[in-house]
C-alpha atoms as a PDB file:
ATOM      1  CA  MET A   1       0.000   0.000   0.000  1.00  0.00           C
ATOM      2  CA  SER A   2       1.396   3.404  -0.859  1.00  0.00           C
ATOM      3  CA  ASP A   3       2.042   6.148   1.697  1.00  0.00           C
ATOM      4  CA  ASP A   4      -0.618   8.374   0.118  1.00  0.00           C
ATOM      5  CA  VAL A   5      -3.275   5.715   0.648  1.00  0.00           C
ATOM      6  CA  LYS A   6      -2.176   5.164   4.252  1.00  0.00           C
ATOM      7  CA  ASP A   7      -2.168   8.911   4.928  1.00  0.00           C
ATOM      8  CA  ALA A   8      -5.610   9.305   3.417  1.00  0.00           C
ATOM      9  CA  GLY A   9      -6.993   6.511   5.565  1.00  0.00           C
ATOM     10  CA  LEU A  10      -5.361   7.891   8.687  1.00  0.00           C
ATOM     11  CA  VAL A  11      -6.697  11.401   8.055  1.00  0.00           C
ATOM     12  CA  ALA A  12     -10.183  10.019   7.382  1.00  0.00           C
ATOM     13  CA  MET A  13     -10.123   8.035  10.615  1.00  0.00           C
ATOM     14  CA  ILE A  14      -8.947  11.003  12.667  1.00  0.00           C
ATOM     15  CA  SER A  15     -11.475  13.365  11.108  1.00  0.00           C
ATOM     16  CA  SER A  16     -14.312  10.898  11.712  1.00  0.00           C
ATOM     17  CA  ILE A  17     -13.295  10.586  15.364  1.00  0.00           C
ATOM     18  CA  LEU A  18     -12.878  14.299  15.908  1.00  0.00           C
ATOM     19  CA  GLY A  19     -15.747  15.298  13.652  1.00  0.00           C
ATOM     20  CA  GLY A  20     -13.518  17.609  11.668  1.00  0.00           C
ATOM     21  CA  HIS A  21     -14.066  18.968   8.196  1.00  0.00           C
ATOM     22  CA  LYS A  22     -12.842  17.349   5.027  1.00  0.00           C
ATOM     23  CA  ARG A  23      -9.321  18.259   4.100  1.00  0.00           C
ATOM     24  CA  ALA A  24      -7.366  18.188   0.878  1.00  0.00           C
ATOM     25  CA  ALA A  25      -5.771  14.897   1.879  1.00  0.00           C
ATOM     26  CA  ASP A  26      -9.215  13.247   1.822  1.00  0.00           C
ATOM     27  CA  SER A  27      -9.451  13.840  -1.897  1.00  0.00           C
ATOM     28  CA  VAL A  28      -6.602  11.422  -2.540  1.00  0.00           C
ATOM     29  CA  VAL A  29      -7.947   8.480  -4.469  1.00  0.00           C
ATOM     30  CA  PRO A  30      -6.250   5.138  -3.955  1.00  0.00           C
ATOM     31  CA  PRO A  31      -4.516   3.806  -7.061  1.00  0.00           C
ATOM     32  CA  PRO A  32      -6.339   1.114  -9.014  1.00  0.00           C
ATOM     33  CA  LEU A  33      -5.438  -2.482  -8.307  1.00  0.00           C
ATOM     34  CA  ILE A  34      -3.247  -4.160 -10.869  1.00  0.00           C
ATOM     35  CA  ASP A  35      -4.858  -7.059 -12.688  1.00  0.00           C
ATOM     36  CA  VAL A  36      -2.606 -10.055 -12.090  1.00  0.00           C
ATOM     37  CA  PRO A  37      -3.657 -13.384 -13.528  1.00  0.00           C
ATOM     38  CA  PRO A  38      -3.980 -16.145 -10.928  1.00  0.00           C
ATOM     39  CA  PRO A  39      -1.127 -18.645 -10.823  1.00  0.00           C
ATOM     40  CA  THR A  40      -1.693 -21.777 -12.819  1.00  0.00           C
ATOM     41  CA  VAL A  41      -0.952 -25.232 -11.514  1.00  0.00           C
ATOM     42  CA  PRO A  42       0.325 -27.779 -14.024  1.00  0.00           C
ATOM     43  CA  THR A  43      -2.014 -30.697 -14.510  1.00  0.00           C
ATOM     44  CA  ASN A  44       0.733 -33.326 -14.193  1.00  0.00           C
ATOM     45  CA  GLY A  45       1.838 -32.063 -10.759  1.00  0.00           C
ATOM     46  CA  PHE A  46       5.244 -30.877 -11.952  1.00  0.00           C
ATOM     47  CA  GLU A  47       6.478 -27.508 -13.080  1.00  0.00           C
ATOM     48  CA  PRO A  48       6.473 -27.139 -16.828  1.00  0.00           C
ATOM     49  CA  GLY A  49       9.967 -27.189 -18.225  1.00  0.00           C
ATOM     50  CA  GLU A  50      11.914 -28.136 -21.275  1.00  0.00           C
ATOM     51  CA  PRO A  51      11.614 -31.787 -22.171  1.00  0.00           C
ATOM     52  CA  PRO A  52      14.934 -33.659 -22.080  1.00  0.00           C
ATOM     53  CA  ALA A  53      16.674 -34.046 -25.403  1.00  0.00           C
ATOM     54  CA  PRO A  54      16.135 -37.457 -26.957  1.00  0.00           C
ATOM     55  CA  GLY A  55      19.005 -39.884 -26.412  1.00  0.00           C
ATOM     56  CA  LEU A  56      20.420 -38.076 -23.353  1.00  0.00           C
ATOM     57  CA  ALA A  57      20.194 -39.493 -19.868  1.00  0.00           C
ATOM     58  CA  PRO A  58      18.954 -37.173 -17.173  1.00  0.00           C
ATOM     59  CA  ALA A  59      21.722 -35.460 -15.260  1.00  0.00           C
ATOM     60  CA  LYS A  60      22.706 -36.934 -11.896  1.00  0.00           C
ATOM     61  CA  PRO A  61      23.228 -34.776  -8.863  1.00  0.00           C
ATOM     62  CA  GLU A  62      26.872 -33.907  -8.193  1.00  0.00           C
ATOM     63  CA  ASN A  63      27.010 -35.567  -4.794  1.00  0.00           C
ATOM     64  CA  GLU A  64      25.543 -38.874  -5.995  1.00  0.00           C
ATOM     65  CA  PRO A  65      28.116 -41.571  -6.864  1.00  0.00           C
ATOM     66  CA  ALA A  66      28.100 -43.024 -10.354  1.00  0.00           C
ATOM     67  CA  ASN A  67      27.760 -46.590  -9.099  1.00  0.00           C
ATOM     68  CA  ALA A  68      27.359 -48.425  -5.824  1.00  0.00           C
ATOM     69  CA  ALA A  69      31.053 -49.440  -5.704  1.00  0.00           C
ATOM     70  CA  GLU A  70      32.126 -45.806  -5.396  1.00  0.00           C
ATOM     71  CA  ALA A  71      29.754 -45.182  -2.504  1.00  0.00           C
ATOM     72  CA  THR A  72      31.542 -44.780   0.801  1.00  0.00           C
ATOM     73  CA  PRO A  73      30.460 -47.235   3.480  1.00  0.00           C
ATOM     74  CA  VAL A  74      28.549 -45.867   6.407  1.00  0.00           C
ATOM     75  CA  VAL A  75      30.725 -45.899   9.494  1.00  0.00           C
ATOM     76  CA  THR A  76      28.827 -46.227  12.724  1.00  0.00           C
ATOM     77  CA  LYS A  77      30.195 -44.946  15.981  1.00  0.00           C
ATOM     78  CA  PRO A  78      30.744 -47.702  18.540  1.00  0.00           C
ATOM     79  CA  VAL A  79      28.453 -47.648  21.529  1.00  0.00           C
ATOM     80  CA  GLU A  80      30.203 -46.148  24.528  1.00  0.00           C
ATOM     81  CA  PRO A  81      29.800 -47.885  27.860  1.00  0.00           C
ATOM     82  CA  PRO A  82      27.940 -45.887  30.481  1.00  0.00           C
ATOM     83  CA  ALA A  83      30.036 -43.575  32.611  1.00  0.00           C
ATOM     84  CA  LYS A  84      31.244 -45.140  35.816  1.00  0.00           C
ATOM     85  CA  ILE A  85      29.387 -43.884  38.847  1.00  0.00           C
ATOM     86  CA  ALA A  86      31.695 -42.373  41.420  1.00  0.00           C
ATOM     87  CA  THR A  87      31.708 -44.008  44.815  1.00  0.00           C
ATOM     88  CA  THR A  88      33.002 -43.064  48.241  1.00  0.00           C
ATOM     89  CA  PRO A  89      35.587 -45.180  50.120  1.00  0.00           C
ATOM     90  CA  ASP A  90      32.770 -46.772  52.129  1.00  0.00           C
ATOM     91  CA  GLY A  91      30.935 -47.847  48.941  1.00  0.00           C
ATOM     92  CA  LYS A  92      28.218 -45.187  48.689  1.00  0.00           C
ATOM     93  CA  GLN A  93      27.363 -43.717  45.295  1.00  0.00           C
ATOM     94  CA  LEU A  94      28.149 -40.014  44.813  1.00  0.00           C
ATOM     95  CA  LEU A  95      25.152 -38.406  43.092  1.00  0.00           C
ATOM     96  CA  PRO A  96      24.143 -34.777  42.461  1.00  0.00           C
ATOM     97  CA  ALA A  97      21.180 -33.319  44.325  1.00  0.00           C
ATOM     98  CA  GLU A  98      18.896 -33.573  41.254  1.00  0.00           C
ATOM     99  CA  ALA A  99      19.555 -37.309  40.917  1.00  0.00           C
ATOM    100  CA  ILE A 100      18.884 -37.923  44.602  1.00  0.00           C
ATOM    101  CA  ALA A 101      15.673 -35.879  44.347  1.00  0.00           C
ATOM    102  CA  ASP A 102      14.587 -38.066  41.423  1.00  0.00           C
ATOM    103  CA  LEU A 103      15.298 -41.190  43.492  1.00  0.00           C
ATOM    104  CA  VAL A 104      13.248 -39.890  46.417  1.00  0.00           C
ATOM    105  CA  LEU A 105      10.395 -38.850  44.138  1.00  0.00           C
ATOM    106  CA  GLY A 106      10.467 -42.244  42.419  1.00  0.00           C
ATOM    107  CA  GLU A 107      10.146 -44.007  45.763  1.00  0.00           C
ATOM    108  CA  LEU A 108       7.315 -41.714  46.826  1.00  0.00           C
ATOM    109  CA  ARG A 109       5.432 -42.418  43.596  1.00  0.00           C
ATOM    110  CA  LYS A 110       5.174 -46.048  44.714  1.00  0.00           C
ATOM    111  CA  LEU A 111       2.913 -44.990  47.605  1.00  0.00           C
ATOM    112  CA  ASP A 112      -0.866 -45.132  47.234  1.00  0.00           C
ATOM    113  CA  ASP A 113      -2.623 -41.922  46.070  1.00  0.00           C
ATOM    114  CA  PHE A 114       0.624 -40.067  45.343  1.00  0.00           C
ATOM    115  CA  PRO A 115      -0.156 -37.288  42.801  1.00  0.00           C
ATOM    116  CA  ALA A 116       1.056 -37.781  39.238  1.00  0.00           C
ATOM    117  CA  SER A 117       2.056 -34.121  39.028  1.00  0.00           C
ATOM    118  CA  GLY A 118       2.424 -31.169  41.335  1.00  0.00           C
ATOM    119  CA  ALA A 119       4.954 -32.642  43.770  1.00  0.00           C
ATOM    120  CA  SER A 120       8.608 -31.629  43.926  1.00  0.00           C
ATOM    121  CA  VAL A 121      11.496 -32.792  46.074  1.00  0.00           C
ATOM    122  CA  THR A 122      14.405 -30.577  47.121  1.00  0.00           C
ATOM    123  CA  VAL A 123      17.622 -32.127  48.409  1.00  0.00           C
ATOM    124  CA  TYR A 124      19.769 -29.991  50.681  1.00  0.00           C
ATOM    125  CA  GLY A 125      22.643 -30.303  53.129  1.00  0.00           C
ATOM    126  CA  TYR A 126      26.137 -31.751  52.802  1.00  0.00           C
ATOM    127  CA  ARG A 127      27.441 -34.646  54.861  1.00  0.00           C
ATOM    128  CA  HIS A 128      24.031 -35.604  56.202  1.00  0.00           C
ATOM    129  CA  TRP A 129      21.794 -34.505  53.328  1.00  0.00           C
ATOM    130  CA  ASN A 130      18.069 -34.250  53.758  1.00  0.00           C
ATOM    131  CA  ALA A 131      15.037 -33.885  51.477  1.00  0.00           C
ATOM    132  CA  MET A 132      11.951 -31.709  51.537  1.00  0.00           C
ATOM    133  CA  ILE A 133       8.740 -32.302  49.618  1.00  0.00           C
ATOM    134  CA  THR A 134       6.380 -29.576  48.435  1.00  0.00           C
ATOM    135  CA  PHE A 135       3.010 -29.844  46.748  1.00  0.00           C
ATOM    136  CA  ALA A 136       1.311 -27.528  44.286  1.00  0.00           C
ATOM    137  CA  PRO A 137      -2.114 -26.259  45.310  1.00  0.00           C
ATOM    138  CA  PHE A 138      -4.886 -28.797  44.747  1.00  0.00           C
ATOM    139  CA  SER A 139      -2.460 -31.570  43.734  1.00  0.00           C
ATOM    140  CA  THR A 140      -3.338 -33.680  46.774  1.00  0.00           C
ATOM    141  CA  SER A 141      -5.395 -33.559  49.941  1.00  0.00           C
ATOM    142  CA  PHE A 142      -4.060 -32.313  53.275  1.00  0.00           C
ATOM    143  CA  HIS A 143      -4.365 -35.796  54.757  1.00  0.00           C
ATOM    144  CA  ASN A 144      -2.359 -37.405  51.936  1.00  0.00           C
ATOM    145  CA  ALA A 145       0.281 -34.659  51.984  1.00  0.00           C
ATOM    146  CA  THR A 146       0.769 -35.235  55.717  1.00  0.00           C
ATOM    147  CA  ARG A 147       1.099 -38.959  55.137  1.00  0.00           C
ATOM    148  CA  PHE A 148       3.738 -38.435  52.409  1.00  0.00           C
ATOM    149  CA  ARG A 149       5.697 -35.982  54.591  1.00  0.00           C
ATOM    150  CA  GLN A 150       5.720 -38.513  57.423  1.00  0.00           C
ATOM    151  CA  ALA A 151       7.126 -41.156  55.065  1.00  0.00           C
ATOM    152  CA  MET A 152      10.023 -38.897  53.993  1.00  0.00           C
ATOM    153  CA  PRO A 153      12.355 -39.338  57.020  1.00  0.00           C
ATOM    154  CA  ASP A 154      12.319 -43.136  56.749  1.00  0.00           C
ATOM    155  CA  LEU A 155      12.898 -43.015  53.024  1.00  0.00           C
ATOM    156  CA  VAL A 156      15.786 -40.534  53.375  1.00  0.00           C
ATOM    157  CA  PHE A 157      17.343 -42.611  56.158  1.00  0.00           C
ATOM    158  CA  LYS A 158      17.336 -45.702  53.920  1.00  0.00           C
ATOM    159  CA  LEU A 159      18.742 -43.837  50.920  1.00  0.00           C
ATOM    160  CA  ARG A 160      21.553 -42.254  52.974  1.00  0.00           C
ATOM    161  CA  ARG A 161      22.983 -45.754  53.491  1.00  0.00           C
ATOM    162  CA  PHE A 162      23.538 -46.093  49.723  1.00  0.00           C
ATOM    163  CA  VAL A 163      23.834 -42.546  48.350  1.00  0.00           C
ATOM    164  CA  GLU A 164      26.073 -39.591  49.246  1.00  0.00           C
ATOM    165  CA  LEU A 165      25.489 -36.052  48.017  1.00  0.00           C
ATOM    166  CA  GLU A 166      28.028 -34.913  45.421  1.00  0.00           C
ATOM    167  CA  ILE A 167      29.288 -31.373  45.809  1.00  0.00           C
END
């Protein structure tokens, strides 16, 4: 749209709001639309082009090998073994706080009526780490939340025998 058309529309809108008189800018007539024929779709589903010359094979893409013998074999990367989990001298696994929180949450999910969403576990501390559970509003009842919070100390005590917090 041209600037003259935009200006004319803007002036008309302002004058209609303010109730002003017609101005010289209102006499600007928008230019006529150009007649453009609609695009045509080929009936065979392909763009029309020059037919290939008789006796010539269609050109191959540059990156495509001429025959299968020239194709390079696909080399697959060997599967790496999982990273070794660090352990303490007394045999406990060293895990980050997020991993311990996932373990605690996984154990809590085994309890009856534990909410599928809306519960989060935070692991804190150092030598004797601890865990705290929080619930989103309306994710569980007060009675069930109390029951899950009472189960936390026993669960943390059992996990502390096997897992140490990594700093």
